[in-house]
N, C-alpha and C. Protein backbone atom coordinates (compact mmCIF):
# COMPACT_ATOMS: atom_id res chain seq x y z
N MET A 1 163.76 92.25 87.96
CA MET A 1 162.44 93.08 87.24
C MET A 1 161.71 92.33 87.45
N GLU A 2 161.38 90.46 87.56
CA GLU A 2 160.88 89.29 87.86
C GLU A 2 160.05 89.86 89.10
N LEU A 3 160.87 90.05 90.49
CA LEU A 3 160.08 90.31 91.21
C LEU A 3 158.64 90.98 91.15
N PRO A 4 158.20 91.99 90.91
CA PRO A 4 156.44 92.50 90.87
C PRO A 4 156.06 91.31 90.61
N TRP A 5 155.80 90.68 88.87
CA TRP A 5 154.96 89.93 88.48
C TRP A 5 156.00 88.14 89.39
N VAL A 6 155.93 87.49 90.36
CA VAL A 6 155.98 86.74 91.64
C VAL A 6 155.15 87.34 92.21
N LEU A 7 155.28 88.71 92.92
CA LEU A 7 154.41 89.39 93.88
C LEU A 7 153.07 89.08 93.30
N LEU A 8 152.88 89.45 92.00
CA LEU A 8 151.06 89.54 91.44
C LEU A 8 150.67 88.06 91.10
N ALA A 9 151.43 87.12 91.09
CA ALA A 9 150.74 85.46 90.85
C ALA A 9 150.63 85.49 92.04
N LEU A 10 151.47 85.54 93.68
CA LEU A 10 150.98 85.17 94.92
C LEU A 10 150.01 85.52 94.82
N ALA A 11 149.44 86.85 94.92
CA ALA A 11 148.34 88.11 94.67
C ALA A 11 147.22 86.84 94.26
N GLY A 12 147.77 86.75 93.49
CA GLY A 12 146.33 85.61 92.26
C GLY A 12 146.31 84.57 92.99
N MET A 13 147.35 84.04 94.24
CA MET A 13 146.39 82.88 93.68
C MET A 13 145.67 82.88 95.77
N SER A 14 146.39 83.98 95.99
CA SER A 14 146.16 84.09 97.76
C SER A 14 144.40 84.63 97.59
N THR A 15 143.58 84.83 96.27
CA THR A 15 142.47 85.41 95.93
C THR A 15 141.81 83.71 96.18
N ALA A 16 142.12 83.16 95.34
CA ALA A 16 141.41 81.68 94.89
C ALA A 16 141.80 81.28 95.99
N THR A 17 142.12 81.04 96.84
CA THR A 17 142.72 79.62 97.76
C THR A 17 142.62 80.54 99.00
N GLY A 18 141.53 79.35 100.18
CA GLY A 18 141.74 79.75 101.46
C GLY A 18 143.01 80.29 102.10
N LEU A 19 142.90 81.23 103.51
CA LEU A 19 143.97 81.11 104.20
C LEU A 19 144.91 79.82 104.10
N GLY A 20 144.01 78.68 104.52
CA GLY A 20 145.12 77.88 104.23
C GLY A 20 146.36 77.13 103.38
N GLY A 21 145.34 78.00 101.88
CA GLY A 21 146.76 77.25 101.00
C GLY A 21 145.40 76.19 100.02
N SER A 22 143.87 75.86 100.85
CA SER A 22 143.04 74.52 99.62
C SER A 22 142.01 76.10 98.87
N PRO A 23 141.78 75.28 97.89
CA PRO A 23 140.99 75.91 97.57
C PRO A 23 139.58 76.16 98.24
N ARG A 24 138.68 77.75 98.25
CA ARG A 24 137.60 78.51 99.14
C ARG A 24 136.50 77.11 98.25
N SER A 25 135.95 76.32 98.77
CA SER A 25 134.20 75.77 98.58
C SER A 25 133.56 76.28 98.12
N LEU A 26 132.92 77.11 96.93
CA LEU A 26 132.03 77.47 96.62
C LEU A 26 130.41 76.71 96.97
N PRO A 27 129.47 77.64 97.85
CA PRO A 27 128.20 76.75 97.70
C PRO A 27 127.12 75.87 97.25
N THR A 28 126.89 75.09 97.53
CA THR A 28 126.23 74.13 96.46
C THR A 28 124.67 74.07 96.26
N PRO A 29 124.72 73.95 95.11
CA PRO A 29 123.22 75.32 94.47
C PRO A 29 122.28 73.97 95.05
N PRO A 30 120.84 75.29 95.29
CA PRO A 30 119.96 73.29 95.94
C PRO A 30 119.33 72.78 94.85
N ALA A 31 119.34 71.96 95.39
CA ALA A 31 118.98 70.64 94.14
C ALA A 31 116.99 70.68 93.52
N ARG A 32 116.70 70.80 92.15
CA ARG A 32 115.63 71.32 90.88
C ARG A 32 114.70 70.37 91.00
N LEU A 33 114.03 70.53 91.95
CA LEU A 33 112.88 69.18 91.99
C LEU A 33 111.88 69.77 90.71
N PRO A 34 111.05 68.98 90.30
CA PRO A 34 110.24 69.34 88.65
C PRO A 34 109.20 69.30 89.62
N TYR A 35 108.31 69.05 90.63
CA TYR A 35 107.35 68.77 91.33
C TYR A 35 106.43 70.97 91.35
N VAL A 36 105.14 71.12 91.38
CA VAL A 36 105.20 72.72 90.41
C VAL A 36 104.16 72.98 91.62
N PRO A 37 104.05 73.72 92.62
CA PRO A 37 102.56 74.22 93.50
C PRO A 37 101.87 74.21 92.79
N ARG A 38 100.54 74.22 93.66
CA ARG A 38 99.39 75.17 92.27
C ARG A 38 98.21 74.50 93.57
N VAL A 39 97.25 75.47 93.41
CA VAL A 39 95.91 75.37 94.27
C VAL A 39 95.51 74.41 94.59
N SER A 40 94.99 73.74 95.50
CA SER A 40 94.35 72.22 95.83
C SER A 40 92.97 72.06 94.59
N PRO A 41 92.93 71.66 93.85
CA PRO A 41 91.95 70.36 93.09
C PRO A 41 90.65 70.50 93.90
N ARG A 42 90.61 70.47 95.42
CA ARG A 42 89.28 69.52 95.76
C ARG A 42 88.20 71.06 96.31
N ALA A 43 87.75 70.48 96.03
CA ALA A 43 86.53 71.07 95.55
C ALA A 43 86.31 71.93 97.57
N LEU A 44 86.45 72.87 97.67
CA LEU A 44 86.30 73.75 99.34
C LEU A 44 85.78 75.12 98.76
N LEU A 45 85.69 75.70 100.34
CA LEU A 45 84.41 76.66 100.17
C LEU A 45 86.12 77.89 100.30
N GLY A 46 85.54 78.47 99.81
CA GLY A 46 86.60 80.30 100.25
C GLY A 46 88.11 79.23 99.37
N LYS A 47 88.43 78.38 98.81
CA LYS A 47 89.82 78.01 98.78
C LYS A 47 91.06 79.37 97.60
N VAL A 48 90.02 80.78 96.94
CA VAL A 48 90.62 81.10 96.23
C VAL A 48 89.82 82.08 96.44
N THR A 49 90.68 83.63 97.85
CA THR A 49 90.00 84.34 98.37
C THR A 49 89.69 85.81 98.17
N ALA A 50 89.76 86.97 98.55
CA ALA A 50 90.32 88.08 98.29
C ALA A 50 92.09 88.85 98.31
N THR A 51 92.00 87.45 99.48
CA THR A 51 92.97 87.54 100.67
C THR A 51 94.20 86.42 100.81
N THR A 52 93.02 85.70 100.35
CA THR A 52 95.00 84.04 101.08
C THR A 52 93.96 83.15 99.57
N PHE A 53 94.99 81.40 99.39
CA PHE A 53 94.79 80.92 98.48
C PHE A 53 95.10 79.48 99.33
N ALA A 54 94.40 78.60 98.61
CA ALA A 54 94.61 77.43 99.02
C ALA A 54 95.71 75.88 98.90
N LEU A 55 96.93 75.89 98.79
CA LEU A 55 97.44 75.84 98.01
C LEU A 55 97.64 73.76 98.69
N GLU A 56 97.58 72.82 97.76
CA GLU A 56 98.46 71.99 97.73
C GLU A 56 99.27 71.19 98.58
N ARG A 57 99.31 70.69 99.42
CA ARG A 57 100.04 70.05 100.25
C ARG A 57 101.40 69.65 99.98
N PRO A 58 102.34 69.64 99.88
CA PRO A 58 103.50 68.96 98.70
C PRO A 58 104.29 68.05 99.56
N CYS A 59 103.14 66.61 99.69
CA CYS A 59 103.72 65.69 100.68
C CYS A 59 104.55 64.91 99.29
N CYS A 60 105.67 64.18 99.91
CA CYS A 60 106.85 63.87 99.64
C CYS A 60 107.31 63.80 98.68
N VAL A 61 107.92 65.26 98.15
CA VAL A 61 108.58 66.20 96.98
C VAL A 61 109.50 66.04 97.89
N PHE A 62 110.05 66.62 99.47
CA PHE A 62 111.96 66.14 99.80
C PHE A 62 111.86 65.18 100.00
N ASP A 63 111.65 64.28 99.57
CA ASP A 63 111.89 63.12 100.16
C ASP A 63 113.56 62.61 99.45
N GLY A 64 114.30 62.25 99.81
CA GLY A 64 115.74 62.23 99.73
C GLY A 64 117.16 62.72 99.83
N HIS A 65 116.15 64.66 100.09
CA HIS A 65 116.95 65.17 99.90
C HIS A 65 117.28 66.26 102.02
N ALA A 66 116.31 66.03 101.89
CA ALA A 66 116.17 66.59 103.65
C ALA A 66 115.83 66.27 104.67
N ASP A 67 116.87 66.53 106.11
CA ASP A 67 116.78 65.65 107.43
C ASP A 67 116.33 66.75 108.32
N ALA A 68 116.62 66.21 109.64
CA ALA A 68 114.86 65.83 110.02
C ALA A 68 115.33 67.30 110.68
N SER A 69 116.23 67.52 111.19
CA SER A 69 116.57 68.99 111.86
C SER A 69 116.21 70.28 109.97
N ASP A 70 116.13 69.95 109.22
CA ASP A 70 115.38 70.95 108.44
C ASP A 70 114.52 71.07 108.16
N SER A 71 113.69 72.71 107.47
CA SER A 71 112.89 73.19 107.18
C SER A 71 112.29 73.46 105.62
N VAL A 72 111.05 73.85 105.26
CA VAL A 72 110.38 73.83 104.29
C VAL A 72 109.26 75.20 104.17
N TRP A 73 109.92 76.25 103.57
CA TRP A 73 109.14 77.52 102.97
C TRP A 73 108.56 77.53 101.74
N LEU A 74 107.85 78.71 102.17
CA LEU A 74 106.91 78.99 100.53
C LEU A 74 108.07 80.06 100.64
N ALA A 75 108.02 80.02 99.32
CA ALA A 75 108.33 81.66 98.08
C ALA A 75 107.29 82.18 97.94
N VAL A 76 106.32 83.71 98.60
CA VAL A 76 105.52 84.60 97.35
C VAL A 76 106.42 85.13 96.73
N SER A 77 105.53 85.80 96.01
CA SER A 77 106.92 86.84 95.20
C SER A 77 105.53 87.21 93.82
N PHE A 78 105.02 88.53 93.64
CA PHE A 78 104.79 88.86 92.51
C PHE A 78 104.49 88.31 91.20
N ALA A 79 103.92 87.86 90.91
CA ALA A 79 104.51 87.27 89.39
C ALA A 79 105.19 88.29 88.44
N ASN A 80 105.24 89.18 88.62
CA ASN A 80 105.87 90.13 87.82
C ASN A 80 108.06 90.25 88.20
N ALA A 81 107.67 89.81 88.89
CA ALA A 81 109.13 89.99 90.20
C ALA A 81 109.60 88.38 90.51
N SER A 82 108.82 87.41 89.96
CA SER A 82 109.69 85.86 90.80
C SER A 82 111.16 85.49 90.30
N ALA A 83 111.22 86.42 88.37
CA ALA A 83 112.58 85.22 88.38
C ALA A 83 113.67 86.52 88.70
N ALA A 84 112.89 87.22 89.42
CA ALA A 84 114.42 88.25 89.98
C ALA A 84 114.65 87.81 91.44
N PHE A 85 113.39 86.47 92.13
CA PHE A 85 113.52 85.89 93.69
C PHE A 85 115.20 85.12 93.37
N ARG A 86 115.74 86.12 94.90
CA ARG A 86 117.20 85.36 94.87
C ARG A 86 116.72 84.18 96.37
N ASN A 87 116.83 82.72 95.91
CA ASN A 87 117.05 82.21 97.58
C ASN A 87 118.26 82.93 98.58
N PRO A 88 117.71 82.89 100.01
CA PRO A 88 118.45 83.28 100.81
C PRO A 88 118.86 82.56 101.22
N PRO A 89 120.50 83.07 101.88
CA PRO A 89 121.79 81.97 102.45
C PRO A 89 121.36 81.95 103.46
N SER A 90 120.36 81.57 104.63
CA SER A 90 120.03 81.42 105.62
C SER A 90 119.16 81.84 106.28
N ARG A 91 118.53 81.26 107.29
CA ARG A 91 117.35 81.44 108.01
C ARG A 91 117.42 83.11 108.13
N ALA A 92 118.21 83.12 108.82
CA ALA A 92 118.35 85.56 108.65
C ALA A 92 118.14 85.96 107.46
N ASP A 93 118.15 86.03 107.01
CA ASP A 93 117.96 86.67 105.53
C ASP A 93 116.77 86.39 104.71
N VAL A 94 116.24 85.08 105.31
CA VAL A 94 114.08 85.15 105.04
C VAL A 94 113.86 86.50 104.63
N PRO A 95 112.96 86.67 103.51
CA PRO A 95 113.15 88.37 103.30
C PRO A 95 111.02 88.05 104.42
N PRO A 96 111.08 88.46 105.13
CA PRO A 96 109.83 89.26 106.45
C PRO A 96 108.90 89.63 104.85
N TYR A 97 107.31 89.20 105.41
CA TYR A 97 106.04 89.82 104.72
C TYR A 97 106.05 91.21 105.07
N LYS A 98 106.48 91.58 106.13
CA LYS A 98 106.06 94.00 105.82
C LYS A 98 106.94 93.59 104.20
N GLN A 99 107.63 92.82 103.50
CA GLN A 99 108.17 93.81 102.21
C GLN A 99 108.08 93.75 101.85
N LEU A 100 106.92 93.07 101.23
CA LEU A 100 106.37 92.55 99.83
C LEU A 100 106.11 94.08 99.21
N PRO A 101 105.30 94.53 99.76
CA PRO A 101 105.26 95.89 98.67
C PRO A 101 106.69 96.43 98.16
N THR A 102 107.20 96.63 98.80
CA THR A 102 108.83 96.57 97.94
C THR A 102 109.90 95.87 97.43
N ALA A 103 109.83 94.76 98.88
CA ALA A 103 110.86 93.61 97.96
C ALA A 103 110.17 93.14 96.53
N ARG A 104 108.84 92.68 96.82
CA ARG A 104 108.12 92.46 96.00
C ARG A 104 108.05 90.63 95.72
N SER A 105 108.22 90.13 97.01
CA SER A 105 108.13 88.73 97.40
C SER A 105 108.36 88.95 98.95
N TYR A 106 108.26 87.31 100.28
CA TYR A 106 108.55 87.11 100.89
C TYR A 106 108.14 85.88 101.14
N MET A 107 108.93 85.10 102.36
CA MET A 107 108.28 83.48 102.67
C MET A 107 108.38 83.28 104.29
N THR A 108 107.54 83.23 103.53
CA THR A 108 105.93 82.64 104.67
C THR A 108 106.34 80.97 105.22
N LEU A 109 105.09 80.12 105.83
CA LEU A 109 105.12 78.64 106.54
C LEU A 109 106.73 77.94 106.51
N GLU A 110 106.64 78.19 107.64
CA GLU A 110 108.25 77.68 107.35
C GLU A 110 107.50 76.45 108.72
N THR A 111 108.34 74.97 108.01
CA THR A 111 107.68 73.73 107.98
C THR A 111 108.51 72.97 108.59
N PRO A 112 108.82 72.00 109.49
CA PRO A 112 109.60 70.81 109.58
C PRO A 112 109.86 70.20 108.53
N ALA A 113 110.43 70.07 107.78
CA ALA A 113 110.43 69.02 106.49
C ALA A 113 109.73 67.32 106.44
N ALA A 114 109.63 67.26 107.66
CA ALA A 114 109.04 65.24 108.14
C ALA A 114 107.54 65.50 108.39
N GLU A 115 107.60 66.66 108.38
CA GLU A 115 105.51 67.84 107.81
C GLU A 115 105.24 66.76 106.90
N PHE A 116 105.90 66.55 105.93
CA PHE A 116 106.27 66.77 104.17
C PHE A 116 106.38 65.69 103.89
N SER A 117 106.69 64.65 104.60
CA SER A 117 107.11 63.09 104.64
C SER A 117 106.21 62.55 103.86
N CYS A 118 106.34 61.17 102.74
CA CYS A 118 105.36 60.45 102.38
C CYS A 118 104.45 59.48 103.68
N PRO A 119 104.81 58.74 104.80
CA PRO A 119 103.74 58.84 106.03
C PRO A 119 103.03 59.96 107.09
N ALA A 120 103.42 61.22 107.05
CA ALA A 120 103.09 61.80 107.89
C ALA A 120 101.51 62.22 107.66
N PRO A 121 100.70 62.50 108.49
CA PRO A 121 99.33 62.78 107.94
C PRO A 121 99.19 64.34 108.28
N GLY A 122 99.29 65.16 107.84
CA GLY A 122 98.25 66.24 107.91
C GLY A 122 97.30 66.98 107.65
N PRO A 123 96.96 67.68 107.54
CA PRO A 123 95.97 69.06 106.52
C PRO A 123 96.17 68.62 104.92
N PRO A 124 95.28 68.28 104.35
CA PRO A 124 95.72 68.63 102.42
C PRO A 124 95.47 69.65 101.90
N VAL A 125 95.64 70.72 102.33
CA VAL A 125 96.19 71.85 102.14
C VAL A 125 97.27 73.20 102.69
N LEU A 126 97.62 73.79 102.10
CA LEU A 126 98.35 74.93 103.42
C LEU A 126 97.69 76.10 102.89
N ARG A 127 97.31 76.78 103.97
CA ARG A 127 96.69 78.30 104.13
C ARG A 127 96.78 79.68 103.33
N VAL A 128 97.70 79.90 102.30
CA VAL A 128 98.50 81.37 102.15
C VAL A 128 97.74 82.79 102.57
N GLY A 129 98.16 83.64 103.41
CA GLY A 129 97.25 84.54 103.78
C GLY A 129 96.74 84.73 104.96
N SER A 130 96.47 83.70 105.72
CA SER A 130 95.23 83.37 106.79
C SER A 130 96.00 84.02 108.12
N ASP A 131 97.14 84.83 108.45
CA ASP A 131 97.52 85.17 109.55
C ASP A 131 97.29 86.45 109.60
N THR A 132 95.99 87.39 109.78
CA THR A 132 95.45 88.61 110.74
C THR A 132 96.30 88.99 110.74
N ALA A 133 97.21 88.21 111.83
CA ALA A 133 97.98 88.93 112.92
C ALA A 133 98.52 89.95 112.82
N CYS A 134 99.44 88.55 111.12
CA CYS A 134 101.14 89.31 111.13
C CYS A 134 100.14 91.25 110.83
N ARG A 135 99.73 91.63 110.48
CA ARG A 135 99.02 92.77 110.21
C ARG A 135 98.76 93.86 111.29
N ASP A 136 97.73 92.96 111.54
CA ASP A 136 97.83 94.16 112.68
C ASP A 136 98.66 94.55 114.49
N GLN A 137 99.15 93.48 113.83
CA GLN A 137 100.24 93.81 115.30
C GLN A 137 101.72 93.89 114.60
N GLY A 138 102.15 94.40 113.51
CA GLY A 138 103.21 94.80 113.28
C GLY A 138 104.51 93.80 113.43
N ARG A 139 103.79 91.93 113.54
CA ARG A 139 105.31 91.89 114.15
C ARG A 139 106.35 91.65 112.68
N GLN A 140 107.79 91.18 113.50
CA GLN A 140 109.20 90.84 112.51
C GLN A 140 108.96 89.89 112.28
N ASP A 141 108.72 89.30 112.43
CA ASP A 141 109.01 87.77 112.40
C ASP A 141 108.41 87.08 110.93
N PRO A 142 109.08 86.25 110.08
CA PRO A 142 108.51 85.67 108.94
C PRO A 142 106.91 85.28 109.81
N CYS A 143 105.63 85.69 108.93
CA CYS A 143 104.25 85.40 109.48
C CYS A 143 103.62 85.49 108.23
N ASN A 144 102.29 84.62 107.42
CA ASN A 144 101.38 84.49 106.97
C ASN A 144 100.53 85.47 107.22
N GLY A 145 100.66 86.46 106.03
CA GLY A 145 99.59 87.49 106.41
C GLY A 145 99.07 88.03 105.60
N PRO A 146 97.89 88.41 105.91
CA PRO A 146 96.98 88.68 104.26
C PRO A 146 96.91 88.48 103.17
N LEU A 147 97.07 88.13 102.34
CA LEU A 147 97.95 89.29 100.74
C LEU A 147 97.22 90.96 100.09
N PRO A 148 97.82 91.42 100.23
CA PRO A 148 97.93 92.63 99.73
C PRO A 148 97.33 93.39 98.55
N SER A 149 97.28 92.24 97.80
CA SER A 149 95.93 93.14 96.37
C SER A 149 95.60 91.56 95.41
N PRO A 150 94.80 91.26 94.42
CA PRO A 150 94.59 90.45 93.89
C PRO A 150 95.51 89.80 92.48
N GLY A 151 96.88 90.20 93.32
CA GLY A 151 98.11 89.75 92.87
C GLY A 151 98.24 90.40 90.64
N PRO A 152 98.96 88.98 90.26
CA PRO A 152 98.90 87.40 90.70
C PRO A 152 99.66 87.75 90.77
N TYR A 153 100.08 86.31 91.98
CA TYR A 153 100.98 85.60 92.60
C TYR A 153 101.73 84.29 91.72
N ARG A 154 102.98 84.23 92.05
CA ARG A 154 103.69 82.42 91.71
C ARG A 154 104.44 82.10 92.75
N VAL A 155 104.22 81.19 93.08
CA VAL A 155 104.80 80.19 94.38
C VAL A 155 106.05 79.38 94.85
N LYS A 156 106.98 78.87 95.65
CA LYS A 156 107.89 77.79 94.79
C LYS A 156 108.00 77.71 96.44
N PHE A 157 108.38 76.38 97.07
CA PHE A 157 108.35 75.78 97.86
C PHE A 157 110.11 75.38 98.11
N LEU A 158 110.88 75.90 99.35
CA LEU A 158 111.75 75.84 99.16
C LEU A 158 112.88 74.57 100.21
N LEU A 159 113.60 73.69 100.61
CA LEU A 159 113.77 73.01 101.57
C LEU A 159 115.47 73.72 102.55
N MET A 160 115.42 74.71 103.15
CA MET A 160 116.30 74.46 104.06
C MET A 160 116.97 74.40 105.41
N GLY A 161 118.22 73.55 105.52
CA GLY A 161 119.13 73.97 106.29
C GLY A 161 120.36 74.33 106.91
N CYS A 162 120.80 73.63 107.69
CA CYS A 162 121.86 74.61 108.56
C CYS A 162 123.09 75.51 107.58
N GLY A 163 123.23 74.69 106.98
CA GLY A 163 123.86 75.77 105.80
C GLY A 163 123.09 75.81 104.57
N GLY A 164 122.28 76.44 104.01
CA GLY A 164 121.50 77.23 103.13
C GLY A 164 120.02 76.12 102.80
N PRO A 165 119.77 76.85 101.35
CA PRO A 165 119.03 76.37 100.80
C PRO A 165 119.71 74.91 100.27
N LYS A 166 118.86 73.60 100.57
CA LYS A 166 119.46 72.63 99.91
C LYS A 166 117.93 71.78 98.60
N ALA A 167 117.30 72.21 98.15
CA ALA A 167 116.34 71.92 97.42
C ALA A 167 115.34 72.43 97.32
N GLU A 168 114.45 73.09 95.66
CA GLU A 168 113.56 74.14 95.30
C GLU A 168 112.43 73.37 95.05
N THR A 169 111.22 73.77 94.56
CA THR A 169 110.52 73.16 93.55
C THR A 169 110.41 74.00 92.74
N ARG A 170 109.87 73.79 91.82
CA ARG A 170 109.14 75.05 90.80
C ARG A 170 108.46 76.52 90.74
N TRP A 171 108.64 77.13 90.53
CA TRP A 171 107.86 78.45 90.49
C TRP A 171 106.22 77.78 89.95
N SER A 172 105.01 78.29 90.79
CA SER A 172 103.20 78.03 90.29
C SER A 172 103.02 78.89 89.16
N GLU A 173 102.31 78.56 88.18
CA GLU A 173 101.36 79.72 87.87
C GLU A 173 101.12 80.39 88.23
N PRO A 174 101.03 81.71 87.56
CA PRO A 174 100.31 82.57 87.81
C PRO A 174 98.98 82.35 88.94
N ILE A 175 99.01 82.99 89.92
CA ILE A 175 97.76 82.85 90.89
C ILE A 175 96.61 83.92 90.92
N LEU A 176 95.70 84.28 90.66
CA LEU A 176 95.15 85.35 90.63
C LEU A 176 94.00 85.43 91.95
N LEU A 177 93.99 86.44 92.72
CA LEU A 177 92.80 86.36 93.77
C LEU A 177 91.88 87.18 93.27
N ARG A 178 90.41 86.82 93.81
CA ARG A 178 89.49 86.99 93.62
C ARG A 178 88.61 88.50 94.30
N THR A 179 87.88 89.75 93.60
CA THR A 179 87.57 90.62 93.63
C THR A 179 86.18 90.31 93.73
N GLY A 180 85.53 90.88 95.20
CA GLY A 180 83.83 91.33 95.18
C GLY A 180 83.68 91.75 94.55
N TRP A 181 82.52 91.97 93.83
CA TRP A 181 81.24 92.81 93.19
C TRP A 181 80.71 93.75 93.32
N ASP A 182 79.80 94.01 93.42
CA ASP A 182 78.78 94.95 93.74
C ASP A 182 77.33 93.99 92.82
N ARG A 183 76.50 93.35 92.82
CA ARG A 183 75.90 93.14 92.28
C ARG A 183 74.80 94.04 91.33
N GLU A 184 74.77 94.95 91.66
CA GLU A 184 74.08 96.57 91.36
C GLU A 184 74.61 98.00 90.65
N ASP A 185 75.82 97.89 91.52
CA ASP A 185 76.02 99.59 90.98
C ASP A 185 77.73 98.86 90.09
N GLY A 186 78.43 97.41 89.69
CA GLY A 186 79.28 96.90 89.62
C GLY A 186 80.53 97.21 89.93
N LYS A 187 80.21 98.27 91.21
CA LYS A 187 81.61 98.76 92.41
C LYS A 187 82.29 97.53 93.19
N PRO A 188 83.47 97.56 93.17
CA PRO A 188 83.79 96.91 94.48
C PRO A 188 83.38 96.81 95.79
N ARG A 189 83.16 95.50 96.38
CA ARG A 189 82.53 95.65 97.63
C ARG A 189 83.76 95.54 98.71
N LYS A 190 83.17 96.26 99.88
CA LYS A 190 84.05 96.43 101.04
C LYS A 190 84.03 94.89 101.75
N PRO A 191 84.94 93.98 102.42
CA PRO A 191 85.27 93.37 102.63
C PRO A 191 84.65 93.26 104.14
N TYR A 192 83.92 92.23 105.09
CA TYR A 192 83.59 92.75 106.09
C TYR A 192 84.83 91.09 106.80
N GLY A 193 86.12 91.87 107.97
CA GLY A 193 86.91 91.34 107.80
C GLY A 193 87.80 90.63 106.59
N THR A 194 88.32 89.44 107.13
CA THR A 194 89.13 88.44 105.71
C THR A 194 88.36 88.20 104.60
N LEU A 195 87.63 87.13 105.87
CA LEU A 195 86.29 86.52 104.59
C LEU A 195 85.03 86.97 104.70
N ALA A 196 84.51 87.54 103.62
CA ALA A 196 83.33 87.37 103.31
C ALA A 196 82.44 86.99 103.18
N TRP A 197 80.94 87.28 103.17
CA TRP A 197 79.92 85.62 102.80
C TRP A 197 80.63 85.68 100.34
N TRP A 198 80.53 86.82 100.10
CA TRP A 198 81.03 86.67 98.52
C TRP A 198 82.16 85.87 98.29
N HIS A 199 82.76 86.11 98.82
CA HIS A 199 84.41 85.20 99.15
C HIS A 199 84.02 83.54 98.55
N LEU A 200 83.01 82.94 99.44
CA LEU A 200 83.43 82.10 99.95
C LEU A 200 82.37 80.48 99.08
N VAL A 201 82.86 81.15 97.60
CA VAL A 201 81.84 80.77 96.69
C VAL A 201 83.03 79.16 96.33
N PRO A 202 82.42 78.64 96.04
CA PRO A 202 82.58 77.13 95.74
C PRO A 202 83.66 76.96 94.40
N VAL A 203 84.59 76.73 94.19
CA VAL A 203 85.95 76.68 92.95
C VAL A 203 85.74 75.60 91.95
């Protein structure tokens, strides 16, 4: 009469271990870094427009966590959906730009981690939303397409290796894009292309 209990015990052990009897290892959660992304503090024309914004470059943030083959991604989310964002387990699972209206988030700006190391020179800002070809050509790969509404948005940087996420920053404060308003009748203007003259106002 004790045989069923033995079988149940063995079944429980098999679910807690791998095929070889050794415990299954759970994925290591990414390191939480104190860095908070922010819109660049530099005086720039078009720092925040109707479809784009310029982020401060995260220099030295991932030093000590990144290997030569790792990449840094930017996760972009509507501010009210950032708490529900889940880091993708691999590059194949990265949420693409085209899913932003339904998934409320996407990832973009895949960059070799070495470009953000302390000695590496580079542009002082990262422009989010600058690739109009993403929208016009309907590309399937993750891209940096124009943001579809004023938001607000929140962003974070995520270090990805071949085994998945390795380190992540905190989420930014909400970033609200500009809206162009007609000075005569108070109605929104229709932008001419991605950047119109009334968007290029120093901040």
